[in-house]
Amino acid sequence: MGVASSLPSFEAACQRGGIRLFVLPPRSPKLNGCVERAQRTHTEEFYEVTDFSLAIPTRNQELRAWEHTYNTVRPHQALGYLTPQQFLVQWRTQRKEAHCH
C-alpha cells in the first residue's frame, strides 16, 4: 500500500477523531520549521543510530525511552542548553515569582 492509497484512510481517521489537518505547500519547511527540526533530530539521533525493533509494541517502548531522554537528559541549544524539563521548571518558577510580586 503506497502513500497515495493510504492518504484517504488517514484523512478519514483524522476526521473521525476530530483532528483538523492543514496541508502545507510542497517544499516549504519554513512554514513548519519547529516540526521539521524535531523530525531531523529524531531521525539523526534515534532512527539512524538505533537498532530498533520492527515489532510495533517494542518500537513504541523504544520510542518512549528516546522521548524520555530527549525531554529530560538531552540539552537543547534553543533552550539555552537546558533540557525541556529543566526549561519548563525554570519557566514555571519564574512565572510564579512574577505573580507573587
N, C-alpha and C. Protein backbone atom coordinates (compact mmCIF):
# COMPACT_ATOMS: atom_id res chain seq x y z
N MET A 1 0.85 -1.17 0.00
CA MET A 1 0.00 0.00 0.00
C MET A 1 0.89 1.23 0.00
N GLY A 2 0.77 2.07 -0.99
CA GLY A 2 1.58 3.26 -1.10
C GLY A 2 1.02 4.41 -0.30
N VAL A 3 1.78 5.49 -0.26
CA VAL A 3 1.35 6.67 0.50
C VAL A 3 0.06 7.23 -0.07
N ALA A 4 -0.03 7.30 -1.41
CA ALA A 4 -1.21 7.89 -2.04
C ALA A 4 -2.46 7.08 -1.70
N SER A 5 -2.36 5.75 -1.67
CA SER A 5 -3.54 4.94 -1.40
C SER A 5 -3.93 4.97 0.07
N SER A 6 -2.99 5.27 0.98
CA SER A 6 -3.33 5.31 2.41
C SER A 6 -3.80 6.68 2.85
N LEU A 7 -3.58 7.71 2.03
CA LEU A 7 -3.93 9.07 2.43
C LEU A 7 -5.42 9.25 2.71
N PRO A 8 -6.32 8.78 1.83
CA PRO A 8 -7.74 8.96 2.16
C PRO A 8 -8.12 8.28 3.48
N SER A 9 -7.56 7.13 3.78
CA SER A 9 -7.85 6.46 5.05
C SER A 9 -7.33 7.28 6.22
N PHE A 10 -6.15 7.85 6.07
CA PHE A 10 -5.57 8.69 7.10
C PHE A 10 -6.45 9.91 7.35
N GLU A 11 -6.85 10.56 6.26
CA GLU A 11 -7.70 11.74 6.38
C GLU A 11 -9.04 11.38 7.03
N ALA A 12 -9.61 10.24 6.64
CA ALA A 12 -10.88 9.80 7.23
C ALA A 12 -10.73 9.52 8.72
N ALA A 13 -9.62 8.88 9.11
CA ALA A 13 -9.38 8.59 10.52
C ALA A 13 -9.23 9.88 11.31
N CYS A 14 -8.54 10.85 10.75
CA CYS A 14 -8.39 12.14 11.43
C CYS A 14 -9.74 12.82 11.59
N GLN A 15 -10.53 12.76 10.54
CA GLN A 15 -11.86 13.38 10.60
C GLN A 15 -12.72 12.72 11.67
N ARG A 16 -12.69 11.39 11.74
CA ARG A 16 -13.46 10.66 12.77
C ARG A 16 -12.97 11.04 14.17
N GLY A 17 -11.67 11.29 14.30
CA GLY A 17 -11.11 11.64 15.60
C GLY A 17 -11.20 13.12 15.91
N GLY A 18 -11.78 13.90 15.01
CA GLY A 18 -11.91 15.33 15.24
C GLY A 18 -10.59 16.08 15.13
N ILE A 19 -9.65 15.51 14.37
CA ILE A 19 -8.33 16.13 14.19
C ILE A 19 -8.34 16.94 12.90
N ARG A 20 -8.06 18.23 13.01
CA ARG A 20 -8.01 19.10 11.84
C ARG A 20 -6.66 18.93 11.15
N LEU A 21 -6.68 18.83 9.85
CA LEU A 21 -5.46 18.71 9.06
C LEU A 21 -5.20 20.01 8.32
N PHE A 22 -3.95 20.38 8.24
CA PHE A 22 -3.54 21.55 7.48
C PHE A 22 -2.54 21.09 6.43
N VAL A 23 -2.83 21.34 5.19
CA VAL A 23 -1.95 20.93 4.11
C VAL A 23 -1.05 22.10 3.76
N LEU A 24 0.25 21.85 3.86
CA LEU A 24 1.22 22.87 3.51
C LEU A 24 1.69 22.66 2.08
N PRO A 25 2.09 23.73 1.41
CA PRO A 25 2.61 23.55 0.05
C PRO A 25 3.89 22.73 0.08
N PRO A 26 4.16 21.98 -0.98
CA PRO A 26 5.41 21.21 -1.04
C PRO A 26 6.64 22.12 -0.95
N ARG A 27 7.70 21.56 -0.38
CA ARG A 27 8.99 22.25 -0.27
C ARG A 27 8.87 23.61 0.41
N SER A 28 8.20 23.65 1.56
CA SER A 28 8.06 24.90 2.31
C SER A 28 8.35 24.67 3.79
N PRO A 29 9.58 24.23 4.12
CA PRO A 29 9.88 23.91 5.52
C PRO A 29 9.81 25.11 6.46
N LYS A 30 9.93 26.31 5.94
CA LYS A 30 9.88 27.49 6.82
C LYS A 30 8.49 27.68 7.43
N LEU A 31 7.48 27.10 6.81
CA LEU A 31 6.13 27.21 7.36
C LEU A 31 5.91 26.29 8.55
N ASN A 32 6.78 25.32 8.72
CA ASN A 32 6.63 24.34 9.78
C ASN A 32 8.01 23.99 10.36
N GLY A 33 8.81 25.00 10.57
CA GLY A 33 10.21 24.83 10.94
C GLY A 33 10.45 24.04 12.21
N CYS A 34 9.63 24.25 13.24
CA CYS A 34 9.84 23.53 14.50
C CYS A 34 9.63 22.03 14.32
N VAL A 35 8.60 21.66 13.58
CA VAL A 35 8.34 20.24 13.34
C VAL A 35 9.44 19.65 12.47
N GLU A 36 9.85 20.38 11.44
CA GLU A 36 10.92 19.90 10.56
C GLU A 36 12.20 19.66 11.36
N ARG A 37 12.53 20.58 12.26
CA ARG A 37 13.75 20.44 13.06
C ARG A 37 13.63 19.26 14.00
N ALA A 38 12.49 19.08 14.63
CA ALA A 38 12.30 17.95 15.54
C ALA A 38 12.42 16.64 14.78
N GLN A 39 11.84 16.56 13.59
CA GLN A 39 11.93 15.34 12.80
C GLN A 39 13.38 15.04 12.42
N ARG A 40 14.14 16.07 12.10
CA ARG A 40 15.56 15.87 11.77
C ARG A 40 16.32 15.32 12.98
N THR A 41 16.07 15.90 14.14
CA THR A 41 16.74 15.44 15.36
C THR A 41 16.39 13.99 15.65
N HIS A 42 15.11 13.64 15.57
CA HIS A 42 14.70 12.26 15.84
C HIS A 42 15.31 11.31 14.82
N THR A 43 15.38 11.73 13.57
CA THR A 43 15.99 10.88 12.54
C THR A 43 17.46 10.67 12.84
N GLU A 44 18.19 11.75 13.10
CA GLU A 44 19.64 11.66 13.30
C GLU A 44 20.02 11.00 14.63
N GLU A 45 19.23 11.20 15.67
CA GLU A 45 19.62 10.74 17.00
C GLU A 45 18.88 9.48 17.46
N PHE A 46 17.89 9.06 16.71
CA PHE A 46 17.21 7.80 17.06
C PHE A 46 17.23 6.83 15.88
N TYR A 47 16.54 7.16 14.82
CA TYR A 47 16.36 6.21 13.73
C TYR A 47 17.66 5.81 13.04
N GLU A 48 18.61 6.75 12.87
CA GLU A 48 19.84 6.44 12.17
C GLU A 48 20.88 5.73 13.04
N VAL A 49 20.73 5.75 14.34
CA VAL A 49 21.75 5.18 15.22
C VAL A 49 21.24 4.07 16.14
N THR A 50 19.96 3.78 16.08
CA THR A 50 19.37 2.78 16.96
C THR A 50 18.95 1.56 16.17
N ASP A 51 19.30 0.40 16.67
CA ASP A 51 18.81 -0.84 16.08
C ASP A 51 17.45 -1.13 16.71
N PHE A 52 16.43 -0.42 16.24
CA PHE A 52 15.11 -0.54 16.84
C PHE A 52 14.38 -1.75 16.28
N SER A 53 13.43 -2.20 17.04
CA SER A 53 12.64 -3.37 16.69
C SER A 53 11.64 -3.04 15.59
N LEU A 54 11.32 -4.03 14.80
CA LEU A 54 10.26 -3.85 13.80
C LEU A 54 8.89 -4.20 14.37
N ALA A 55 8.87 -4.79 15.55
CA ALA A 55 7.60 -5.09 16.22
C ALA A 55 7.07 -3.78 16.83
N ILE A 56 5.86 -3.42 16.46
CA ILE A 56 5.30 -2.13 16.87
C ILE A 56 5.29 -1.93 18.39
N PRO A 57 4.82 -2.88 19.21
CA PRO A 57 4.82 -2.64 20.66
C PRO A 57 6.22 -2.39 21.22
N THR A 58 7.20 -3.14 20.73
CA THR A 58 8.58 -2.96 21.20
C THR A 58 9.13 -1.62 20.72
N ARG A 59 8.85 -1.28 19.46
CA ARG A 59 9.33 0.01 18.94
C ARG A 59 8.70 1.16 19.71
N ASN A 60 7.43 1.03 20.06
CA ASN A 60 6.79 2.09 20.85
C ASN A 60 7.48 2.28 22.20
N GLN A 61 7.88 1.18 22.84
CA GLN A 61 8.63 1.28 24.10
C GLN A 61 9.97 1.96 23.87
N GLU A 62 10.65 1.61 22.79
CA GLU A 62 11.95 2.22 22.48
C GLU A 62 11.78 3.72 22.20
N LEU A 63 10.71 4.07 21.49
CA LEU A 63 10.45 5.49 21.22
C LEU A 63 10.12 6.25 22.51
N ARG A 64 9.37 5.64 23.41
CA ARG A 64 9.09 6.29 24.70
C ARG A 64 10.37 6.52 25.49
N ALA A 65 11.29 5.55 25.44
CA ALA A 65 12.58 5.72 26.13
C ALA A 65 13.36 6.86 25.49
N TRP A 66 13.35 6.94 24.15
CA TRP A 66 14.05 8.04 23.46
C TRP A 66 13.41 9.37 23.81
N GLU A 67 12.08 9.44 23.85
CA GLU A 67 11.40 10.69 24.21
C GLU A 67 11.78 11.12 25.62
N HIS A 68 11.91 10.16 26.53
CA HIS A 68 12.33 10.49 27.90
C HIS A 68 13.73 11.11 27.87
N THR A 69 14.63 10.50 27.14
CA THR A 69 15.99 11.05 27.01
C THR A 69 15.95 12.44 26.39
N TYR A 70 15.18 12.58 25.32
CA TYR A 70 15.07 13.86 24.60
C TYR A 70 14.56 14.97 25.51
N ASN A 71 13.62 14.64 26.37
CA ASN A 71 12.99 15.66 27.21
C ASN A 71 13.64 15.88 28.57
N THR A 72 14.41 14.91 29.06
CA THR A 72 14.95 15.03 30.42
C THR A 72 16.46 14.92 30.53
N VAL A 73 17.13 14.48 29.48
CA VAL A 73 18.58 14.28 29.54
C VAL A 73 19.32 15.16 28.52
N ARG A 74 18.81 15.21 27.31
CA ARG A 74 19.49 15.88 26.20
C ARG A 74 19.30 17.40 26.27
N PRO A 75 20.40 18.17 26.38
CA PRO A 75 20.26 19.63 26.36
C PRO A 75 19.86 20.11 24.97
N HIS A 76 19.12 21.21 24.92
CA HIS A 76 18.66 21.78 23.66
C HIS A 76 19.24 23.19 23.51
N GLN A 77 19.91 23.42 22.40
CA GLN A 77 20.53 24.71 22.15
C GLN A 77 19.49 25.84 22.21
N ALA A 78 18.33 25.61 21.61
CA ALA A 78 17.29 26.63 21.57
C ALA A 78 16.75 26.98 22.96
N LEU A 79 17.00 26.12 23.94
CA LEU A 79 16.54 26.37 25.31
C LEU A 79 17.69 26.78 26.23
N GLY A 80 18.74 27.34 25.64
CA GLY A 80 19.89 27.75 26.44
C GLY A 80 20.62 26.58 27.05
N TYR A 81 20.64 25.47 26.33
CA TYR A 81 21.31 24.23 26.74
C TYR A 81 20.70 23.61 28.00
N LEU A 82 19.42 23.87 28.21
CA LEU A 82 18.66 23.16 29.23
C LEU A 82 17.90 22.03 28.55
N THR A 83 17.48 21.06 29.33
CA THR A 83 16.56 20.06 28.79
C THR A 83 15.17 20.69 28.77
N PRO A 84 14.23 20.18 27.99
CA PRO A 84 12.88 20.72 28.04
C PRO A 84 12.27 20.67 29.44
N GLN A 85 12.56 19.62 30.18
CA GLN A 85 12.05 19.53 31.55
C GLN A 85 12.63 20.64 32.43
N GLN A 86 13.94 20.87 32.34
CA GLN A 86 14.58 21.93 33.12
C GLN A 86 14.01 23.29 32.72
N PHE A 87 13.82 23.49 31.42
CA PHE A 87 13.28 24.75 30.93
C PHE A 87 11.88 25.00 31.48
N LEU A 88 11.05 23.96 31.48
CA LEU A 88 9.68 24.08 31.97
C LEU A 88 9.66 24.40 33.46
N VAL A 89 10.50 23.73 34.23
CA VAL A 89 10.57 24.00 35.68
C VAL A 89 11.01 25.44 35.90
N GLN A 90 12.04 25.89 35.17
CA GLN A 90 12.54 27.26 35.31
C GLN A 90 11.44 28.26 34.92
N TRP A 91 10.73 28.00 33.83
CA TRP A 91 9.67 28.89 33.36
C TRP A 91 8.55 28.98 34.39
N ARG A 92 8.15 27.83 34.94
CA ARG A 92 7.08 27.84 35.94
C ARG A 92 7.50 28.61 37.19
N THR A 93 8.75 28.42 37.62
CA THR A 93 9.26 29.12 38.80
C THR A 93 9.26 30.62 38.57
N GLN A 94 9.74 31.05 37.41
CA GLN A 94 9.77 32.48 37.11
C GLN A 94 8.36 33.05 37.01
N ARG A 95 7.46 32.28 36.47
CA ARG A 95 6.07 32.73 36.33
C ARG A 95 5.42 32.90 37.70
N LYS A 96 5.67 31.94 38.61
CA LYS A 96 5.13 32.05 39.96
C LYS A 96 5.70 33.26 40.69
N GLU A 97 7.00 33.47 40.54
CA GLU A 97 7.64 34.61 41.20
C GLU A 97 7.08 35.92 40.67
N ALA A 98 6.78 35.99 39.38
CA ALA A 98 6.26 37.22 38.78
C ALA A 98 4.84 37.51 39.30
N HIS A 99 4.07 36.47 39.56
CA HIS A 99 2.70 36.65 40.05
C HIS A 99 2.66 36.98 41.54
N CYS A 100 3.70 36.62 42.27
CA CYS A 100 3.73 36.85 43.72
C CYS A 100 4.10 38.28 44.06
N HIS A 101 4.71 38.99 43.15
CA HIS A 101 5.17 40.35 43.46
C HIS A 101 4.23 41.40 42.97
